[in-house]
């Protein structure tokens, strides 16, 4: 696992694109295709290259998630993972539309006698 910090979203985008291009040029025929996660996230991009997992993060996200400590001591000893999440961190849930009820089944078709 490789973790690096970027200055901003454009820096993350540029680095992810460069890594993607280089991987396509250098990969062997048996190497897996590149998998990129976090396309909509402006603070974190994860690139899975099979045997290497690259995390590209802003400094703020890197401090928040603290992956180095999480992977070195485990979740049960990581104080950040044990903290309760505040309601502010879940504000985005309020913006989601309410769940829709499933559509009603169409009425059964009647066969007319001939």
PDB file of N, CA and C in Angstrom:
ATOM      1  N   UNK A   1       0.852  -1.164   0.000  1.00  0.00           N
ATOM      2  CA  UNK A   1       0.000   0.000   0.000  1.00  0.00           C
ATOM      3  C   UNK A   1       0.899   1.228   0.000  1.00  0.00           C
ATOM      4  N   UNK A   2       0.560   2.175  -0.873  1.00  0.00           N
ATOM      5  CA  UNK A   2       1.279   3.439  -0.973  1.00  0.00           C
ATOM      6  C   UNK A   2       0.268   4.552  -0.726  1.00  0.00           C
ATOM      7  N   UNK A   3       0.621   5.491   0.154  1.00  0.00           N
ATOM      8  CA  UNK A   3      -0.255   6.613   0.472  1.00  0.00           C
ATOM      9  C   UNK A   3       0.507   7.895   0.174  1.00  0.00           C
ATOM     10  N   UNK A   4      -0.107   8.791  -0.595  1.00  0.00           N
ATOM     11  CA  UNK A   4       0.556  10.060  -0.890  1.00  0.00           C
ATOM     12  C   UNK A   4      -0.430  11.209  -0.717  1.00  0.00           C
ATOM     13  N   UNK A   5       0.116  12.393  -0.504  1.00  0.00           N
ATOM     14  CA  UNK A   5      -0.701  13.592  -0.311  1.00  0.00           C
ATOM     15  C   UNK A   5      -0.597  14.494  -1.529  1.00  0.00           C
ATOM     16  N   UNK A   6      -1.707  15.144  -1.844  1.00  0.00           N
ATOM     17  CA  UNK A   6      -1.751  16.126  -2.926  1.00  0.00           C
ATOM     18  C   UNK A   6      -2.262  17.445  -2.370  1.00  0.00           C
ATOM     19  N   UNK A   7      -2.023  18.507  -3.125  1.00  0.00           N
ATOM     20  CA  UNK A   7      -2.418  19.831  -2.663  1.00  0.00           C
ATOM     21  C   UNK A   7      -3.913  20.090  -2.803  1.00  0.00           C
ATOM     22  N   UNK A   8      -4.516  19.594  -3.891  1.00  0.00           N
ATOM     23  CA  UNK A   8      -5.923  19.886  -4.158  1.00  0.00           C
ATOM     24  C   UNK A   8      -6.494  18.843  -5.117  1.00  0.00           C
ATOM     25  N   UNK A   9      -7.761  19.036  -5.499  1.00  0.00           N
ATOM     26  CA  UNK A   9      -8.455  18.084  -6.370  1.00  0.00           C
ATOM     27  C   UNK A   9      -7.782  17.967  -7.737  1.00  0.00           C
ATOM     28  N   UNK A  10      -7.358  19.087  -8.308  1.00  0.00           N
ATOM     29  CA  UNK A  10      -6.704  19.039  -9.629  1.00  0.00           C
ATOM     30  C   UNK A  10      -5.406  18.255  -9.570  1.00  0.00           C
ATOM     31  N   UNK A  11      -4.700  18.376  -8.488  1.00  0.00           N
ATOM     32  CA  UNK A  11      -3.459  17.630  -8.297  1.00  0.00           C
ATOM     33  C   UNK A  11      -3.757  16.131  -8.207  1.00  0.00           C
ATOM     34  N   UNK A  12      -4.821  15.770  -7.484  1.00  0.00           N
ATOM     35  CA  UNK A  12      -5.235  14.365  -7.380  1.00  0.00           C
ATOM     36  C   UNK A  12      -5.584  13.824  -8.762  1.00  0.00           C
ATOM     37  N   UNK A  13      -6.377  14.589  -9.525  1.00  0.00           N
ATOM     38  CA  UNK A  13      -6.780  14.174 -10.873  1.00  0.00           C
ATOM     39  C   UNK A  13      -5.565  13.959 -11.774  1.00  0.00           C
ATOM     40  N   UNK A  14      -4.630  14.903 -11.764  1.00  0.00           N
ATOM     41  CA  UNK A  14      -3.451  14.814 -12.623  1.00  0.00           C
ATOM     42  C   UNK A  14      -2.596  13.604 -12.262  1.00  0.00           C
ATOM     43  N   UNK A  15      -2.391  13.378 -10.979  1.00  0.00           N
ATOM     44  CA  UNK A  15      -1.581  12.240 -10.552  1.00  0.00           C
ATOM     45  C   UNK A  15      -2.257  10.919 -10.896  1.00  0.00           C
ATOM     46  N   UNK A  16      -3.566  10.825 -10.669  1.00  0.00           N
ATOM     47  CA  UNK A  16      -4.296   9.594 -10.994  1.00  0.00           C
ATOM     48  C   UNK A  16      -4.249   9.312 -12.491  1.00  0.00           C
ATOM     49  N   UNK A  17      -4.396  10.339 -13.311  1.00  0.00           N
ATOM     50  CA  UNK A  17      -4.347  10.166 -14.764  1.00  0.00           C
ATOM     51  C   UNK A  17      -2.954   9.728 -15.219  1.00  0.00           C
ATOM     52  N   UNK A  18      -1.912  10.316 -14.641  1.00  0.00           N
ATOM     53  CA  UNK A  18      -0.544   9.940 -14.991  1.00  0.00           C
ATOM     54  C   UNK A  18      -0.253   8.498 -14.606  1.00  0.00           C
ATOM     55  N   UNK A  19      -0.661   8.097 -13.415  1.00  0.00           N
ATOM     56  CA  UNK A  19      -0.466   6.710 -12.976  1.00  0.00           C
ATOM     57  C   UNK A  19      -1.215   5.760 -13.903  1.00  0.00           C
ATOM     58  N   UNK A  20      -2.430   6.129 -14.283  1.00  0.00           N
ATOM     59  CA  UNK A  20      -3.233   5.293 -15.182  1.00  0.00           C
ATOM     60  C   UNK A  20      -2.528   5.102 -16.528  1.00  0.00           C
ATOM     61  N   UNK A  21      -2.013   6.176 -17.110  1.00  0.00           N
ATOM     62  CA  UNK A  21      -1.313   6.097 -18.396  1.00  0.00           C
ATOM     63  C   UNK A  21      -0.050   5.249 -18.285  1.00  0.00           C
ATOM     64  N   UNK A  22       0.740   5.478 -17.248  1.00  0.00           N
ATOM     65  CA  UNK A  22       1.977   4.712 -17.069  1.00  0.00           C
ATOM     66  C   UNK A  22       1.696   3.232 -16.850  1.00  0.00           C
ATOM     67  N   UNK A  23       0.662   2.933 -16.080  1.00  0.00           N
ATOM     68  CA  UNK A  23       0.309   1.534 -15.822  1.00  0.00           C
ATOM     69  C   UNK A  23      -0.079   0.834 -17.120  1.00  0.00           C
ATOM     70  N   UNK A  24      -0.861   1.514 -17.953  1.00  0.00           N
ATOM     71  CA  UNK A  24      -1.266   0.917 -19.229  1.00  0.00           C
ATOM     72  C   UNK A  24      -0.055   0.652 -20.122  1.00  0.00           C
ATOM     73  N   UNK A  25       0.945   1.540 -20.083  1.00  0.00           N
ATOM     74  CA  UNK A  25       2.144   1.371 -20.901  1.00  0.00           C
ATOM     75  C   UNK A  25       3.034   0.243 -20.391  1.00  0.00           C
ATOM     76  N   UNK A  26       3.161   0.116 -19.092  1.00  0.00           N
ATOM     77  CA  UNK A  26       4.143  -0.787 -18.493  1.00  0.00           C
ATOM     78  C   UNK A  26       3.606  -2.153 -18.096  1.00  0.00           C
ATOM     79  N   UNK A  27       2.294  -2.319 -18.005  1.00  0.00           N
ATOM     80  CA  UNK A  27       1.762  -3.575 -17.493  1.00  0.00           C
ATOM     81  C   UNK A  27       2.025  -4.723 -18.453  1.00  0.00           C
ATOM     82  N   UNK A  28       2.153  -5.898 -17.865  1.00  0.00           N
ATOM     83  CA  UNK A  28       2.359  -7.102 -18.645  1.00  0.00           C
ATOM     84  C   UNK A  28       1.031  -7.709 -19.063  1.00  0.00           C
ATOM     85  N   UNK A  29       1.083  -8.728 -19.918  1.00  0.00           N
ATOM     86  CA  UNK A  29      -0.163  -9.340 -20.397  1.00  0.00           C
ATOM     87  C   UNK A  29      -0.961 -10.036 -19.298  1.00  0.00           C
ATOM     88  N   UNK A  30      -0.303 -10.456 -18.232  1.00  0.00           N
ATOM     89  CA  UNK A  30      -1.002 -11.150 -17.142  1.00  0.00           C
ATOM     90  C   UNK A  30      -1.413 -10.214 -16.007  1.00  0.00           C
ATOM     91  N   UNK A  31      -0.995  -8.956 -16.079  1.00  0.00           N
ATOM     92  CA  UNK A  31      -1.353  -8.001 -15.031  1.00  0.00           C
ATOM     93  C   UNK A  31      -2.836  -7.645 -15.126  1.00  0.00           C
ATOM     94  N   UNK A  32      -3.494  -7.458 -13.969  1.00  0.00           N
ATOM     95  CA  UNK A  32      -4.932  -7.131 -13.983  1.00  0.00           C
ATOM     96  C   UNK A  32      -5.165  -5.711 -14.491  1.00  0.00           C
ATOM     97  N   UNK A  33      -6.366  -5.432 -14.987  1.00  0.00           N
ATOM     98  CA  UNK A  33      -6.668  -4.050 -15.380  1.00  0.00           C
ATOM     99  C   UNK A  33      -6.717  -3.157 -14.144  1.00  0.00           C
ATOM    100  N   UNK A  34      -6.455  -1.907 -14.364  1.00  0.00           N
ATOM    101  CA  UNK A  34      -6.437  -0.920 -13.287  1.00  0.00           C
ATOM    102  C   UNK A  34      -7.853  -0.664 -12.782  1.00  0.00           C
ATOM    103  N   UNK A  35      -8.015  -0.599 -11.459  1.00  0.00           N
ATOM    104  CA  UNK A  35      -9.305  -0.287 -10.857  1.00  0.00           C
ATOM    105  C   UNK A  35      -9.165   1.013 -10.078  1.00  0.00           C
ATOM    106  N   UNK A  36     -10.021   1.985 -10.386  1.00  0.00           N
ATOM    107  CA  UNK A  36      -9.972   3.287  -9.717  1.00  0.00           C
ATOM    108  C   UNK A  36     -11.256   3.477  -8.923  1.00  0.00           C
ATOM    109  N   UNK A  37     -11.118   3.847  -7.655  1.00  0.00           N
ATOM    110  CA  UNK A  37     -12.276   4.104  -6.792  1.00  0.00           C
ATOM    111  C   UNK A  37     -12.221   5.552  -6.315  1.00  0.00           C
ATOM    112  N   UNK A  38     -13.392   6.122  -6.075  1.00  0.00           N
ATOM    113  CA  UNK A  38     -13.462   7.487  -5.561  1.00  0.00           C
ATOM    114  C   UNK A  38     -13.519   8.533  -6.650  1.00  0.00           C
ATOM    115  N   UNK A  39     -14.092   8.188  -7.794  1.00  0.00           N
ATOM    116  CA  UNK A  39     -14.156   9.113  -8.920  1.00  0.00           C
ATOM    117  C   UNK A  39     -14.862  10.419  -8.615  1.00  0.00           C
ATOM    118  N   UNK A  40     -15.848  10.402  -7.733  1.00  0.00           N
ATOM    119  CA  UNK A  40     -16.591  11.621  -7.394  1.00  0.00           C
ATOM    120  C   UNK A  40     -16.045  12.318  -6.157  1.00  0.00           C
ATOM    121  N   UNK A  41     -15.123  11.677  -5.463  1.00  0.00           N
ATOM    122  CA  UNK A  41     -14.581  12.237  -4.230  1.00  0.00           C
ATOM    123  C   UNK A  41     -13.495  13.261  -4.556  1.00  0.00           C
ATOM    124  N   UNK A  42     -13.602  14.443  -3.990  1.00  0.00           N
ATOM    125  CA  UNK A  42     -12.630  15.495  -4.266  1.00  0.00           C
ATOM    126  C   UNK A  42     -11.421  15.446  -3.334  1.00  0.00           C
ATOM    127  N   UNK A  43     -11.395  14.513  -2.396  1.00  0.00           N
ATOM    128  CA  UNK A  43     -10.305  14.467  -1.425  1.00  0.00           C
ATOM    129  C   UNK A  43      -9.531  13.151  -1.430  1.00  0.00           C
ATOM    130  N   UNK A  44     -10.016  12.148  -2.153  1.00  0.00           N
ATOM    131  CA  UNK A  44      -9.380  10.838  -2.057  1.00  0.00           C
ATOM    132  C   UNK A  44      -9.626  10.044  -3.331  1.00  0.00           C
ATOM    133  N   UNK A  45      -8.589   9.438  -3.849  1.00  0.00           N
ATOM    134  CA  UNK A  45      -8.700   8.530  -4.990  1.00  0.00           C
ATOM    135  C   UNK A  45      -7.877   7.290  -4.646  1.00  0.00           C
ATOM    136  N   UNK A  46      -8.422   6.124  -4.859  1.00  0.00           N
ATOM    137  CA  UNK A  46      -7.722   4.860  -4.611  1.00  0.00           C
ATOM    138  C   UNK A  46      -7.558   4.143  -5.946  1.00  0.00           C
ATOM    139  N   UNK A  47      -6.341   3.688  -6.220  1.00  0.00           N
ATOM    140  CA  UNK A  47      -6.044   2.987  -7.466  1.00  0.00           C
ATOM    141  C   UNK A  47      -5.488   1.618  -7.113  1.00  0.00           C
ATOM    142  N   UNK A  48      -6.172   0.578  -7.565  1.00  0.00           N
ATOM    143  CA  UNK A  48      -5.771  -0.805  -7.300  1.00  0.00           C
ATOM    144  C   UNK A  48      -5.072  -1.352  -8.538  1.00  0.00           C
ATOM    145  N   UNK A  49      -3.789  -1.694  -8.376  1.00  0.00           N
ATOM    146  CA  UNK A  49      -2.994  -2.234  -9.474  1.00  0.00           C
ATOM    147  C   UNK A  49      -2.686  -3.707  -9.258  1.00  0.00           C
ATOM    148  N   UNK A  50      -3.507  -4.378  -8.496  1.00  0.00           N
ATOM    149  CA  UNK A  50      -3.262  -5.793  -8.219  1.00  0.00           C
ATOM    150  C   UNK A  50      -2.428  -5.962  -6.968  1.00  0.00           C
ATOM    151  N   UNK A  51      -1.104  -5.883  -7.110  1.00  0.00           N
ATOM    152  CA  UNK A  51      -0.229  -6.053  -5.948  1.00  0.00           C
ATOM    153  C   UNK A  51       0.131  -4.724  -5.278  1.00  0.00           C
ATOM    154  N   UNK A  52      -0.333  -3.611  -5.818  1.00  0.00           N
ATOM    155  CA  UNK A  52      -0.096  -2.286  -5.233  1.00  0.00           C
ATOM    156  C   UNK A  52      -1.435  -1.566  -5.123  1.00  0.00           C
ATOM    157  N   UNK A  53      -1.698  -0.996  -3.958  1.00  0.00           N
ATOM    158  CA  UNK A  53      -2.886  -0.164  -3.770  1.00  0.00           C
ATOM    159  C   UNK A  53      -2.403   1.244  -3.455  1.00  0.00           C
ATOM    160  N   UNK A  54      -2.708   2.184  -4.345  1.00  0.00           N
ATOM    161  CA  UNK A  54      -2.252   3.567  -4.215  1.00  0.00           C
ATOM    162  C   UNK A  54      -3.403   4.437  -3.725  1.00  0.00           C
ATOM    163  N   UNK A  55      -3.185   5.132  -2.614  1.00  0.00           N
ATOM    164  CA  UNK A  55      -4.166   6.081  -2.083  1.00  0.00           C
ATOM    165  C   UNK A  55      -3.617   7.484  -2.335  1.00  0.00           C
ATOM    166  N   UNK A  56      -4.363   8.284  -3.090  1.00  0.00           N
ATOM    167  CA  UNK A  56      -3.990   9.672  -3.363  1.00  0.00           C
ATOM    168  C   UNK A  56      -5.000  10.531  -2.611  1.00  0.00           C
ATOM    169  N   UNK A  57      -4.507  11.317  -1.648  1.00  0.00           N
ATOM    170  CA  UNK A  57      -5.411  12.046  -0.758  1.00  0.00           C
ATOM    171  C   UNK A  57      -4.936  13.477  -0.551  1.00  0.00           C
ATOM    172  N   UNK A  58      -5.886  14.345  -0.195  1.00  0.00           N
ATOM    173  CA  UNK A  58      -5.482  15.663   0.286  1.00  0.00           C
ATOM    174  C   UNK A  58      -4.942  15.472   1.705  1.00  0.00           C
ATOM    175  N   UNK A  59      -4.196  16.439   2.175  1.00  0.00           N
ATOM    176  CA  UNK A  59      -3.629  16.335   3.524  1.00  0.00           C
ATOM    177  C   UNK A  59      -4.732  16.248   4.577  1.00  0.00           C
ATOM    178  N   UNK A  60      -5.823  16.989   4.360  1.00  0.00           N
ATOM    179  CA  UNK A  60      -6.946  16.974   5.305  1.00  0.00           C
ATOM    180  C   UNK A  60      -7.565  15.574   5.388  1.00  0.00           C
ATOM    181  N   UNK A  61      -7.780  14.938   4.247  1.00  0.00           N
ATOM    182  CA  UNK A  61      -8.345  13.578   4.232  1.00  0.00           C
ATOM    183  C   UNK A  61      -7.364  12.582   4.834  1.00  0.00           C
ATOM    184  N   UNK A  62      -6.089  12.782   4.568  1.00  0.00           N
ATOM    185  CA  UNK A  62      -5.079  11.867   5.111  1.00  0.00           C
ATOM    186  C   UNK A  62      -5.055  11.920   6.634  1.00  0.00           C
ATOM    187  N   UNK A  63      -5.194  13.106   7.196  1.00  0.00           N
ATOM    188  CA  UNK A  63      -5.247  13.235   8.652  1.00  0.00           C
ATOM    189  C   UNK A  63      -6.545  12.658   9.205  1.00  0.00           C
ATOM    190  N   UNK A  64      -7.649  12.878   8.496  1.00  0.00           N
ATOM    191  CA  UNK A  64      -8.950  12.405   8.967  1.00  0.00           C
ATOM    192  C   UNK A  64      -9.003  10.882   9.021  1.00  0.00           C
ATOM    193  N   UNK A  65      -8.603  10.213   7.947  1.00  0.00           N
ATOM    194  CA  UNK A  65      -8.724   8.754   7.879  1.00  0.00           C
ATOM    195  C   UNK A  65      -7.537   8.028   8.511  1.00  0.00           C
ATOM    196  N   UNK A  66      -6.374   8.661   8.559  1.00  0.00           N
ATOM    197  CA  UNK A  66      -5.192   8.125   9.235  1.00  0.00           C
ATOM    198  C   UNK A  66      -4.960   6.645   8.904  1.00  0.00           C
ATOM    199  N   UNK A  67      -4.861   6.342   7.608  1.00  0.00           N
ATOM    200  CA  UNK A  67      -4.690   4.957   7.169  1.00  0.00           C
ATOM    201  C   UNK A  67      -3.407   4.321   7.696  1.00  0.00           C
ATOM    202  N   UNK A  68      -2.361   5.127   7.853  1.00  0.00           N
ATOM    203  CA  UNK A  68      -1.104   4.577   8.353  1.00  0.00           C
ATOM    204  C   UNK A  68      -1.294   3.917   9.716  1.00  0.00           C
ATOM    205  N   UNK A  69      -1.958   4.629  10.637  1.00  0.00           N
ATOM    206  CA  UNK A  69      -2.184   4.069  11.966  1.00  0.00           C
ATOM    207  C   UNK A  69      -3.178   2.919  11.910  1.00  0.00           C
ATOM    208  N   UNK A  70      -4.220   3.063  11.104  1.00  0.00           N
ATOM    209  CA  UNK A  70      -5.231   2.018  10.998  1.00  0.00           C
ATOM    210  C   UNK A  70      -4.610   0.699  10.552  1.00  0.00           C
ATOM    211  N   UNK A  71      -3.727   0.741   9.569  1.00  0.00           N
ATOM    212  CA  UNK A  71      -3.115  -0.490   9.067  1.00  0.00           C
ATOM    213  C   UNK A  71      -1.973  -0.984   9.949  1.00  0.00           C
ATOM    214  N   UNK A  72      -1.381  -0.101  10.756  1.00  0.00           N
ATOM    215  CA  UNK A  72      -0.270  -0.555  11.593  1.00  0.00           C
ATOM    216  C   UNK A  72      -0.739  -1.138  12.924  1.00  0.00           C
ATOM    217  N   UNK A  73      -1.779  -0.559  13.536  1.00  0.00           N
ATOM    218  CA  UNK A  73      -2.210  -1.052  14.850  1.00  0.00           C
ATOM    219  C   UNK A  73      -3.542  -1.777  14.816  1.00  0.00           C
ATOM    220  N   UNK A  74      -4.308  -1.628  13.768  1.00  0.00           N
ATOM    221  CA  UNK A  74      -5.599  -2.307  13.676  1.00  0.00           C
ATOM    222  C   UNK A  74      -6.727  -1.436  14.185  1.00  0.00           C
ATOM    223  N   UNK A  75      -7.920  -1.746  13.728  1.00  0.00           N
ATOM    224  CA  UNK A  75      -9.085  -0.919  14.035  1.00  0.00           C
ATOM    225  C   UNK A  75      -9.422  -0.911  15.530  1.00  0.00           C
ATOM    226  N   UNK A  76      -9.175  -2.008  16.237  1.00  0.00           N
ATOM    227  CA  UNK A  76      -9.545  -2.040  17.656  1.00  0.00           C
ATOM    228  C   UNK A  76      -8.666  -1.146  18.521  1.00  0.00           C
ATOM    229  N   UNK A  77      -7.485  -0.730  18.001  1.00  0.00           N
ATOM    230  CA  UNK A  77      -6.592   0.130  18.772  1.00  0.00           C
ATOM    231  C   UNK A  77      -6.522   1.549  18.220  1.00  0.00           C
ATOM    232  N   UNK A  78      -7.222   1.820  17.161  1.00  0.00           N
ATOM    233  CA  UNK A  78      -7.181   3.138  16.536  1.00  0.00           C
ATOM    234  C   UNK A  78      -8.242   4.031  17.173  1.00  0.00           C
ATOM    235  N   UNK A  79      -7.800   5.099  17.846  1.00  0.00           N
ATOM    236  CA  UNK A  79      -8.729   5.981  18.549  1.00  0.00           C
ATOM    237  C   UNK A  79      -9.682   6.691  17.587  1.00  0.00           C
ATOM    238  N   UNK A  80      -9.226   7.047  16.393  1.00  0.00           N
ATOM    239  CA  UNK A  80     -10.094   7.749  15.449  1.00  0.00           C
ATOM    240  C   UNK A  80     -11.262   6.880  15.009  1.00  0.00           C
ATOM    241  N   UNK A  81     -11.034   5.588  14.828  1.00  0.00           N
ATOM    242  CA  UNK A  81     -12.126   4.722  14.381  1.00  0.00           C
ATOM    243  C   UNK A  81     -13.117   4.448  15.502  1.00  0.00           C
ATOM    244  N   UNK A  82     -12.690   4.645  16.744  1.00  0.00           N
ATOM    245  CA  UNK A  82     -13.567   4.408  17.882  1.00  0.00           C
ATOM    246  C   UNK A  82     -14.434   5.617  18.217  1.00  0.00           C
ATOM    247  N   UNK A  83     -14.092   6.802  17.688  1.00  0.00           N
ATOM    248  CA  UNK A  83     -14.853   8.010  17.997  1.00  0.00           C
ATOM    249  C   UNK A  83     -16.228   7.955  17.344  1.00  0.00           C
ATOM    250  N   UNK A  84     -17.202   8.551  18.023  1.00  0.00           N
ATOM    251  CA  UNK A  84     -18.550   8.647  17.476  1.00  0.00           C
ATOM    252  C   UNK A  84     -18.565   9.692  16.364  1.00  0.00           C
ATOM    253  N   UNK A  85     -19.282   9.404  15.292  1.00  0.00           N
ATOM    254  CA  UNK A  85     -19.430  10.366  14.203  1.00  0.00           C
ATOM    255  C   UNK A  85     -20.436  11.429  14.635  1.00  0.00           C
ATOM    256  N   UNK A  86     -20.174  12.668  14.278  1.00  0.00           N
ATOM    257  CA  UNK A  86     -21.102  13.742  14.617  1.00  0.00           C
ATOM    258  C   UNK A  86     -22.200  13.825  13.564  1.00  0.00           C
ATOM    259  N   UNK A  87     -23.297  14.463  13.924  1.00  0.00           N
ATOM    260  CA  UNK A  87     -24.428  14.601  13.000  1.00  0.00           C
ATOM    261  C   UNK A  87     -24.040  15.415  11.773  1.00  0.00           C
ATOM    262  N   UNK A  88     -23.116  16.351  11.922  1.00  0.00           N
ATOM    263  CA  UNK A  88     -22.688  17.181  10.797  1.00  0.00           C
ATOM    264  C   UNK A  88     -22.078  16.318   9.695  1.00  0.00           C
ATOM    265  N   UNK A  89     -21.357  15.272  10.060  1.00  0.00           N
ATOM    266  CA  UNK A  89     -20.718  14.415   9.070  1.00  0.00           C
ATOM    267  C   UNK A  89     -21.735  13.628   8.266  1.00  0.00           C
ATOM    268  N   UNK A  90     -22.957  13.504   8.763  1.00  0.00           N
ATOM    269  CA  UNK A  90     -23.984  12.757   8.053  1.00  0.00           C
ATOM    270  C   UNK A  90     -25.038  13.677   7.436  1.00  0.00           C
ATOM    271  N   UNK A  91     -24.774  14.980   7.342  1.00  0.00           N
ATOM    272  CA  UNK A  91     -25.724  15.928   6.766  1.00  0.00           C
ATOM    273  C   UNK A  91     -26.119  15.571   5.343  1.00  0.00           C
ATOM    274  N   UNK A  92     -25.224  14.981   4.596  1.00  0.00           N
ATOM    275  CA  UNK A  92     -25.519  14.650   3.199  1.00  0.00           C
ATOM    276  C   UNK A  92     -26.675  13.663   3.083  1.00  0.00           C
ATOM    277  N   UNK A  93     -26.947  12.899   4.145  1.00  0.00           N
ATOM    278  CA  UNK A  93     -28.062  11.950   4.104  1.00  0.00           C
ATOM    279  C   UNK A  93     -29.405  12.669   3.996  1.00  0.00           C
ATOM    280  N   UNK A  94     -29.495  13.857   4.592  1.00  0.00           N
ATOM    281  CA  UNK A  94     -30.751  14.604   4.563  1.00  0.00           C
ATOM    282  C   UNK A  94     -31.092  15.072   3.153  1.00  0.00           C
ATOM    283  N   UNK A  95     -30.083  15.188   2.284  1.00  0.00           N
ATOM    284  CA  UNK A  95     -30.319  15.654   0.921  1.00  0.00           C
ATOM    285  C   UNK A  95     -30.835  14.553  -0.002  1.00  0.00           C
ATOM    286  N   UNK A  96     -30.778  13.314   0.430  1.00  0.00           N
ATOM    287  CA  UNK A  96     -31.245  12.215  -0.410  1.00  0.00           C
ATOM    288  C   UNK A  96     -32.763  12.239  -0.515  1.00  0.00           C
ATOM    289  N   UNK A  97     -33.296  11.882  -1.680  1.00  0.00           N
ATOM    290  CA  UNK A  97     -34.760  11.847  -1.803  1.00  0.00           C
ATOM    291  C   UNK A  97     -35.328  10.698  -0.976  1.00  0.00           C
ATOM    292  N   UNK A  98     -36.585  10.831  -0.529  1.00  0.00           N
ATOM    293  CA  UNK A  98     -37.181   9.744   0.258  1.00  0.00           C
ATOM    294  C   UNK A  98     -37.339   8.502  -0.621  1.00  0.00           C
ATOM    295  N   UNK A  99     -37.332   7.321  -0.021  1.00  0.00           N
ATOM    296  CA  UNK A  99     -37.476   6.103  -0.821  1.00  0.00           C
ATOM    297  C   UNK A  99     -38.842   6.064  -1.492  1.00  0.00           C
ATOM    298  N   UNK A 100     -38.844   5.566  -2.714  1.00  0.00           N
ATOM    299  CA  UNK A 100     -40.100   5.451  -3.452  1.00  0.00           C
ATOM    300  C   UNK A 100     -40.750   4.117  -3.136  1.00  0.00           C
ATOM    301  N   UNK A 101     -42.070   4.121  -3.112  1.00  0.00           N
ATOM    302  CA  UNK A 101     -42.761   2.848  -2.923  1.00  0.00           C
ATOM    303  C   UNK A 101     -42.731   2.110  -4.256  1.00  0.00           C
ATOM    304  N   UNK A 102     -42.709   0.782  -4.210  1.00  0.00           N
ATOM    305  CA  UNK A 102     -42.658   0.034  -5.465  1.00  0.00           C
ATOM    306  C   UNK A 102     -43.919   0.290  -6.282  1.00  0.00           C
ATOM    307  N   UNK A 103     -43.804   0.247  -7.612  1.00  0.00           N
ATOM    308  CA  UNK A 103     -44.990   0.501  -8.433  1.00  0.00           C
ATOM    309  C   UNK A 103     -46.045  -0.575  -8.215  1.00  0.00           C
ATOM    310  N   UNK A 104     -47.301  -0.155  -8.311  1.00  0.00           N
ATOM    311  CA  UNK A 104     -48.408  -1.103  -8.137  1.00  0.00           C
ATOM    312  C   UNK A 104     -48.427  -2.079  -9.306  1.00  0.00           C
ATOM    313  N   UNK A 105     -48.830  -3.297  -9.025  1.00  0.00           N
ATOM    314  CA  UNK A 105     -48.908  -4.312 -10.080  1.00  0.00           C
ATOM    315  C   UNK A 105     -50.025  -3.936 -11.046  1.00  0.00           C
ATOM    316  N   UNK A 106     -49.810  -4.147 -12.348  1.00  0.00           N
ATOM    317  CA  UNK A 106     -50.873  -3.820 -13.305  1.00  0.00           C
ATOM    318  C   UNK A 106     -52.065  -4.744 -13.099  1.00  0.00           C
ATOM    319  N   UNK A 107     -53.271  -4.253 -13.400  1.00  0.00           N
ATOM    320  CA  UNK A 107     -54.452  -5.110 -13.222  1.00  0.00           C
ATOM    321  C   UNK A 107     -54.364  -6.326 -14.142  1.00  0.00           C
ATOM    322  N   UNK A 108     -54.921  -7.417 -13.664  1.00  0.00           N
ATOM    323  CA  UNK A 108     -54.894  -8.654 -14.454  1.00  0.00           C
ATOM    324  C   UNK A 108     -55.743  -8.474 -15.705  1.00  0.00           C
ATOM    325  N   UNK A 109     -55.282  -9.030 -16.810  1.00  0.00           N
ATOM    326  CA  UNK A 109     -56.024  -8.934 -18.069  1.00  0.00           C
ATOM    327  C   UNK A 109     -57.130  -9.979 -18.080  1.00  0.00           C
ATOM    328  N   UNK A 110     -58.288  -9.552 -18.569  1.00  0.00           N
ATOM    329  CA  UNK A 110     -59.424 -10.475 -18.664  1.00  0.00           C
ATOM    330  C   UNK A 110     -59.494 -11.028 -20.079  1.00  0.00           C
ATOM    331  N   UNK A 111     -59.811 -12.259 -20.160  1.00  0.00           N
ATOM    332  CA  UNK A 111     -60.018 -12.873 -21.475  1.00  0.00           C
ATOM    333  C   UNK A 111     -61.501 -12.819 -21.798  1.00  0.00           C
ATOM    334  N   UNK A 112     -61.790 -12.298 -22.929  1.00  0.00           N
ATOM    335  CA  UNK A 112     -63.180 -12.220 -23.369  1.00  0.00           C
ATOM    336  C   UNK A 112     -63.553 -13.517 -24.085  1.00  0.00           C
ATOM    337  N   UNK A 113     -64.754 -14.046 -23.819  1.00  0.00           N
ATOM    338  CA  UNK A 113     -65.166 -15.269 -24.519  1.00  0.00           C
ATOM    339  C   UNK A 113     -65.422 -14.976 -25.996  1.00  0.00           C
ATOM    340  N   UNK A 114     -65.149 -15.934 -26.839  1.00  0.00           N
ATOM    341  CA  UNK A 114     -65.364 -15.757 -28.280  1.00  0.00           C
ATOM    342  C   UNK A 114     -66.586 -16.443 -28.742  1.00  0.00           C
TER     343      UNK A 114
END
